[in-house]
Protein backbone atom coordinates (compact mmCIF):
# COMPACT_ATOMS: atom_id res chain seq x y z
CA UNK A 1 27.05 -27.74 7.37
CA UNK A 2 25.09 -30.10 9.63
CA UNK A 3 26.88 -28.88 12.75
CA UNK A 4 25.15 -25.51 12.34
CA UNK A 5 21.80 -27.17 12.87
CA UNK A 6 22.60 -28.52 16.35
CA UNK A 7 20.51 -27.14 19.19
CA UNK A 8 20.81 -24.92 21.11
CA UNK A 9 23.82 -22.92 19.96
CA UNK A 10 25.44 -19.50 19.96
CA UNK A 11 26.71 -17.75 16.83
CA UNK A 12 28.04 -14.28 16.02
CA UNK A 13 27.86 -11.63 13.32
CA UNK A 14 30.68 -9.24 12.38
CA UNK A 15 31.08 -6.60 9.69
CA UNK A 16 34.19 -5.74 7.64
CA UNK A 17 36.17 -2.60 8.54
CA UNK A 18 35.09 0.68 6.96
CA UNK A 19 38.42 1.57 5.36
CA UNK A 20 41.07 -1.11 4.87
CA UNK A 21 40.81 -4.86 5.22
CA UNK A 22 44.52 -4.77 6.14
CA UNK A 23 43.53 -3.20 9.44
CA UNK A 24 44.47 -5.92 11.97
CA UNK A 25 41.60 -5.02 14.30
CA UNK A 26 39.03 -7.08 12.39
CA UNK A 27 41.24 -10.16 12.63
CA UNK A 28 41.81 -9.54 16.34
CA UNK A 29 38.04 -9.29 16.71
CA UNK A 30 37.23 -12.55 14.93
CA UNK A 31 40.11 -14.32 16.72
CA UNK A 32 38.61 -13.29 20.06
CA UNK A 33 35.19 -14.47 18.91
CA UNK A 34 36.61 -17.73 17.60
CA UNK A 35 38.10 -18.43 21.02
CA UNK A 36 34.51 -18.62 22.32
CA UNK A 37 33.79 -21.65 20.12
CA UNK A 38 30.70 -20.33 18.31
CA UNK A 39 28.66 -22.51 16.01
CA UNK A 40 29.54 -20.10 13.20
CA UNK A 41 30.49 -16.48 12.52
CA UNK A 42 28.67 -14.59 9.76
CA UNK A 43 30.25 -11.70 7.86
CA UNK A 44 28.10 -8.93 6.39
CA UNK A 45 28.60 -7.39 2.96
CA UNK A 46 27.03 -3.97 3.53
CA UNK A 47 30.38 -2.19 3.39
CA UNK A 48 30.14 0.70 0.92
CA UNK A 49 33.85 1.31 0.36
CA UNK A 50 35.30 -2.13 -0.28
CA UNK A 51 34.24 -4.81 -2.75
CA UNK A 52 32.99 -8.23 -1.68
CA UNK A 53 36.19 -10.13 -2.38
CA UNK A 54 38.42 -7.67 -0.54
CA UNK A 55 36.20 -7.53 2.53
CA UNK A 56 33.55 -10.15 3.27
CA UNK A 57 35.30 -12.99 1.46
CA UNK A 58 38.72 -12.35 3.03
CA UNK A 59 37.32 -12.16 6.55
CA UNK A 60 35.13 -15.25 6.11
CA UNK A 61 38.05 -17.18 4.63
CA UNK A 62 40.19 -16.29 7.65
CA UNK A 63 37.41 -17.45 9.98
CA UNK A 64 36.92 -20.72 8.12
CA UNK A 65 40.53 -21.65 7.42
CA UNK A 66 42.64 -20.00 10.12
CA UNK A 67 40.23 -20.17 13.05
CA UNK A 68 38.60 -23.45 11.96
CA UNK A 69 35.17 -21.97 12.70
CA UNK A 70 32.39 -22.20 10.08
CA UNK A 71 32.07 -18.90 8.23
CA UNK A 72 28.84 -17.61 6.69
CA UNK A 73 29.07 -14.97 3.95
CA UNK A 74 26.27 -12.47 3.28
CA UNK A 75 25.21 -11.97 -0.35
CA UNK A 76 22.73 -9.31 -1.48
CA UNK A 77 20.64 -10.20 -4.53
CA UNK A 78 20.17 -6.57 -5.44
CA UNK A 79 23.83 -5.80 -6.14
CA UNK A 80 25.22 -8.93 -7.84
CA UNK A 81 24.76 -10.29 -11.35
CA UNK A 82 25.05 -13.90 -12.49
CA UNK A 83 28.65 -13.56 -13.62
CA UNK A 84 29.69 -12.19 -10.23
CA UNK A 85 27.77 -14.91 -8.39
CA UNK A 86 29.43 -17.62 -10.49
CA UNK A 87 32.83 -16.23 -9.55
CA UNK A 88 31.91 -15.93 -5.86
CA UNK A 89 30.57 -19.48 -5.68
CA UNK A 90 33.79 -20.78 -7.23
CA UNK A 91 35.85 -18.79 -4.71
CA UNK A 92 33.77 -20.06 -1.81
CA UNK A 93 34.32 -23.64 -2.93
CA UNK A 94 38.04 -23.03 -3.31
CA UNK A 95 38.23 -21.64 0.22
CA UNK A 96 36.08 -24.36 1.79
CA UNK A 97 33.18 -22.04 2.68
CA UNK A 98 29.82 -23.75 2.29
CA UNK A 99 27.44 -21.36 4.05
CA UNK A 100 25.74 -18.31 2.52
CA UNK A 101 23.23 -15.86 3.99
CA UNK A 102 21.12 -14.57 1.10
CA UNK A 103 19.37 -11.20 1.37
CA UNK A 104 17.64 -8.94 -1.11
CA UNK A 105 19.68 -6.04 0.29
CA UNK A 106 18.75 -2.48 1.20
CA UNK A 107 19.00 0.29 -1.35
CA UNK A 108 22.34 2.10 -1.12
CA UNK A 109 22.26 5.76 -2.21
CA UNK A 110 24.41 6.28 -5.29
CA UNK A 111 24.78 2.56 -5.98
CA UNK A 112 22.93 1.18 -9.02
CA UNK A 113 21.19 -2.19 -8.46
CA UNK A 114 21.79 -5.08 -10.85
CA UNK A 115 18.89 -6.65 -12.73
CA UNK A 116 19.58 -10.41 -12.62
CA UNK A 117 18.11 -11.04 -9.16
CA UNK A 118 15.12 -8.95 -8.12
CA UNK A 119 14.40 -10.85 -4.90
CA UNK A 120 16.34 -13.02 -2.47
CA UNK A 121 14.37 -16.06 -3.71
CA UNK A 122 15.74 -15.48 -7.23
CA UNK A 123 19.32 -15.64 -5.96
CA UNK A 124 18.54 -18.70 -3.81
CA UNK A 125 17.14 -20.51 -6.86
CA UNK A 126 20.24 -19.67 -8.87
CA UNK A 127 22.69 -20.81 -6.19
CA UNK A 128 20.83 -24.08 -5.65
CA UNK A 129 20.81 -24.75 -9.39
CA UNK A 130 24.55 -24.10 -9.64
CA UNK A 131 25.51 -26.09 -6.52
CA UNK A 132 22.97 -27.62 -4.17
CA UNK A 133 25.59 -28.41 -1.53
CA UNK A 134 25.65 -24.82 -0.23
CA UNK A 135 23.73 -24.23 2.99
CA UNK A 136 21.52 -21.17 2.58
CA UNK A 137 20.63 -18.90 5.49
CA UNK A 138 18.03 -16.17 5.32
CA UNK A 139 16.82 -13.17 7.30
CA UNK A 140 13.36 -12.97 8.81
CA UNK A 141 11.45 -10.34 10.74
CA UNK A 142 9.42 -11.27 13.84
CA UNK A 143 7.53 -7.99 13.58
CA UNK A 144 7.20 -8.16 9.81
CA UNK A 145 9.45 -6.69 7.13
CA UNK A 146 9.20 -2.87 7.10
CA UNK A 147 8.09 -2.95 3.45
CA UNK A 148 5.42 -5.63 3.91
CA UNK A 149 1.85 -4.33 4.12
CA UNK A 150 1.02 -6.78 6.93
CA UNK A 151 2.33 -9.84 8.77
CA UNK A 152 0.24 -12.28 6.70
CA UNK A 153 1.89 -11.07 3.50
CA UNK A 154 5.30 -11.20 5.16
CA UNK A 155 4.82 -14.83 6.25
CA UNK A 156 3.69 -15.78 2.74
CA UNK A 157 6.81 -14.20 1.27
CA UNK A 158 8.90 -16.08 3.82
CA UNK A 159 7.19 -19.30 2.71
CA UNK A 160 8.31 -18.57 -0.85
CA UNK A 161 11.92 -18.06 0.22
CA UNK A 162 11.97 -21.21 2.34
CA UNK A 163 10.47 -23.17 -0.56
CA UNK A 164 13.24 -21.75 -2.78
CA UNK A 165 15.87 -23.30 -0.54
CA UNK A 166 16.49 -21.59 2.80
CA UNK A 167 17.97 -24.12 5.21
CA UNK A 168 17.96 -21.85 8.27
CA UNK A 169 16.52 -18.45 9.27
CA UNK A 170 18.05 -15.70 11.42
CA UNK A 171 15.77 -13.04 12.82
CA UNK A 172 16.25 -9.32 12.83
CA UNK A 173 17.00 -8.03 16.33
CA UNK A 174 14.06 -7.86 18.72
CA UNK A 175 13.66 -6.78 22.33
CA UNK A 176 10.44 -8.57 23.24
CA UNK A 177 10.64 -12.34 23.46
CA UNK A 178 6.86 -12.57 23.26
CA UNK A 179 7.11 -11.12 19.76
CA UNK A 180 9.53 -13.88 18.82
CA UNK A 181 7.32 -16.61 20.26
CA UNK A 182 4.33 -15.33 18.29
CA UNK A 183 6.48 -15.34 15.15
CA UNK A 184 7.48 -18.96 15.81
CA UNK A 185 3.79 -19.87 16.08
CA UNK A 186 2.98 -18.05 12.85
CA UNK A 187 5.78 -19.90 11.07
CA UNK A 188 4.61 -23.25 12.41
CA UNK A 189 1.06 -22.58 11.18
CA UNK A 190 2.51 -21.73 7.75
CA UNK A 191 4.51 -25.02 7.73
CA UNK A 192 7.83 -23.17 7.82
CA UNK A 193 9.85 -25.84 9.55
CA UNK A 194 13.50 -24.79 9.13
CA UNK A 195 15.49 -23.76 12.24
CA UNK A 196 14.89 -20.16 13.37
CA UNK A 197 17.79 -18.48 15.17
CA UNK A 198 16.92 -15.58 17.47
CA UNK A 199 18.89 -12.43 16.65
CA UNK A 200 19.94 -10.58 19.79
CA UNK A 201 21.68 -7.20 19.86
CA UNK A 202 23.00 -6.10 23.27
CA UNK A 203 22.57 -2.34 23.69
CA UNK A 204 25.74 -1.17 25.43
CA UNK A 205 26.24 2.51 24.59
CA UNK A 206 24.28 5.73 24.15
CA UNK A 207 24.71 6.09 20.38
CA UNK A 208 23.50 2.54 19.85
CA UNK A 209 20.52 3.20 22.14
CA UNK A 210 19.58 6.40 20.33
CA UNK A 211 19.82 4.65 16.97
CA UNK A 212 17.47 1.90 18.16
CA UNK A 213 14.95 4.38 19.55
CA UNK A 214 15.00 6.63 16.48
CA UNK A 215 15.38 4.17 13.62
CA UNK A 216 14.37 0.69 14.71
CA UNK A 217 10.98 -0.66 13.77
CA UNK A 218 11.23 -3.08 16.69
CA UNK A 219 8.70 -2.95 19.50
CA UNK A 220 10.41 -1.56 22.59
CA UNK A 221 8.97 -2.99 25.84
CA UNK A 222 8.39 -0.60 28.73
CA UNK A 223 11.20 -2.13 30.79
CA UNK A 224 13.61 -1.66 27.89
CA UNK A 225 12.64 1.99 27.41
CA UNK A 226 12.86 2.55 31.18
CA UNK A 227 16.41 1.13 31.14
CA UNK A 228 17.46 3.54 28.38
CA UNK A 229 15.83 6.50 30.11
CA UNK A 230 17.39 5.75 33.46
CA UNK A 231 20.95 5.10 32.34
CA UNK A 232 21.38 7.15 29.15
CA UNK A 233 23.79 9.58 30.83
CA UNK A 234 25.71 6.90 32.72
CA UNK A 235 27.80 4.89 30.21
CA UNK A 236 28.97 2.21 32.64
CA UNK A 237 25.50 1.63 34.04
CA UNK A 238 23.93 1.56 30.56
CA UNK A 239 26.41 -1.07 29.40
CA UNK A 240 25.81 -3.21 32.48
CA UNK A 241 22.03 -2.89 32.14
CA UNK A 242 22.13 -3.58 28.41
CA UNK A 243 24.18 -6.72 28.90
CA UNK A 244 21.87 -7.90 31.66
CA UNK A 245 18.82 -7.31 29.44
CA UNK A 246 20.32 -9.33 26.58
CA UNK A 247 21.35 -12.15 28.92
CA UNK A 248 17.84 -12.32 30.38
CA UNK A 249 16.45 -12.55 26.84
CA UNK A 250 18.83 -15.39 26.01
CA UNK A 251 18.10 -17.34 29.20
CA UNK A 252 14.37 -17.12 28.53
CA UNK A 253 14.75 -18.09 24.86
CA UNK A 254 16.91 -21.12 25.59
CA UNK A 255 14.51 -22.18 28.34
CA UNK A 256 11.74 -22.06 25.73
CA UNK A 257 13.74 -24.35 23.42
CA UNK A 258 14.96 -21.82 20.85
CA UNK A 259 16.94 -23.31 17.97
CA UNK A 260 19.85 -20.95 18.56
CA UNK A 261 21.01 -17.45 19.47
CA UNK A 262 22.69 -15.26 16.86
CA UNK A 263 24.48 -12.37 18.53
CA UNK A 264 24.89 -9.10 16.64
CA UNK A 265 28.26 -8.27 18.18
CA UNK A 266 28.80 -4.86 16.49
CA UNK A 267 32.45 -6.02 16.42
CA UNK A 268 32.73 -5.84 20.24
CA UNK A 269 34.32 -9.14 21.32
CA UNK A 270 34.29 -8.07 24.98
CA UNK A 271 30.49 -7.92 24.84
CA UNK A 272 30.31 -11.35 23.21
CA UNK A 273 32.74 -12.77 25.76
CA UNK A 274 30.73 -11.48 28.71
CA UNK A 275 27.50 -12.93 27.34
CA UNK A 276 29.22 -16.22 26.54
CA UNK A 277 30.64 -16.49 30.06
CA UNK A 278 27.24 -15.78 31.62
CA UNK A 279 25.32 -18.22 29.41
CA UNK A 280 27.78 -20.94 28.31
CA UNK A 281 26.24 -23.60 30.52
CA UNK A 282 22.95 -23.13 28.69
CA UNK A 283 24.61 -24.13 25.42
CA UNK A 284 26.33 -27.17 26.90
CA UNK A 285 23.03 -29.01 27.21
């Protein structure tokens, strides 16, 4: 969808509910996000209890057809075979969804991977062969993929995926804009010339902060760590500081001509609304 490639823009990510897709909360969430007029809303497929059609596809279809906002579905190469992909592509066409974010997918304990698509590039090739009209999004890692031996190897692998058919890239979350700018330079030197959307995750509660500190491979700047240390026992202050930090990142990125901001909302529309209200004039340029 050409509209997705306008610049600059704001987009959101949501994930399906953990139990039942009939839970109205997810639809209330995406309705609230749709009211903010995002460029698109992407829907993850990492839910372990529901299948793709009953979760990701239903939510994305609601976004696309009821909210009239472009929906982007996530597909993991590791856990789909060709027959399933053929069915999904047909369903996407039927529902008017033309945007797919293709990932290799993390290993899920107890879930057996399929063998048709070993890497994301294999699935991209297959989709493009079946129907070249789909717009393909991909993930990228400003600090390098955790499984890559070094950044040079990671950039080369990204080149392969872009050559296979990525139309747009969305970064993993990062907390240092300088890291993102260096990544942009590395991509430019490697002739990776598709739009790169900066993935921003506002840290607004203690559990989220602890998860980032303990499990994230992201570089945590001193001012970010100081914010967590100072406000970890004050929920209201931590939320305010986390929102301010994310907003400052966004202002700086847009000032430096970023292609777009992709907000990892964690299904908190109030967080997205606050950031939208504080930054909307930036995206009206």
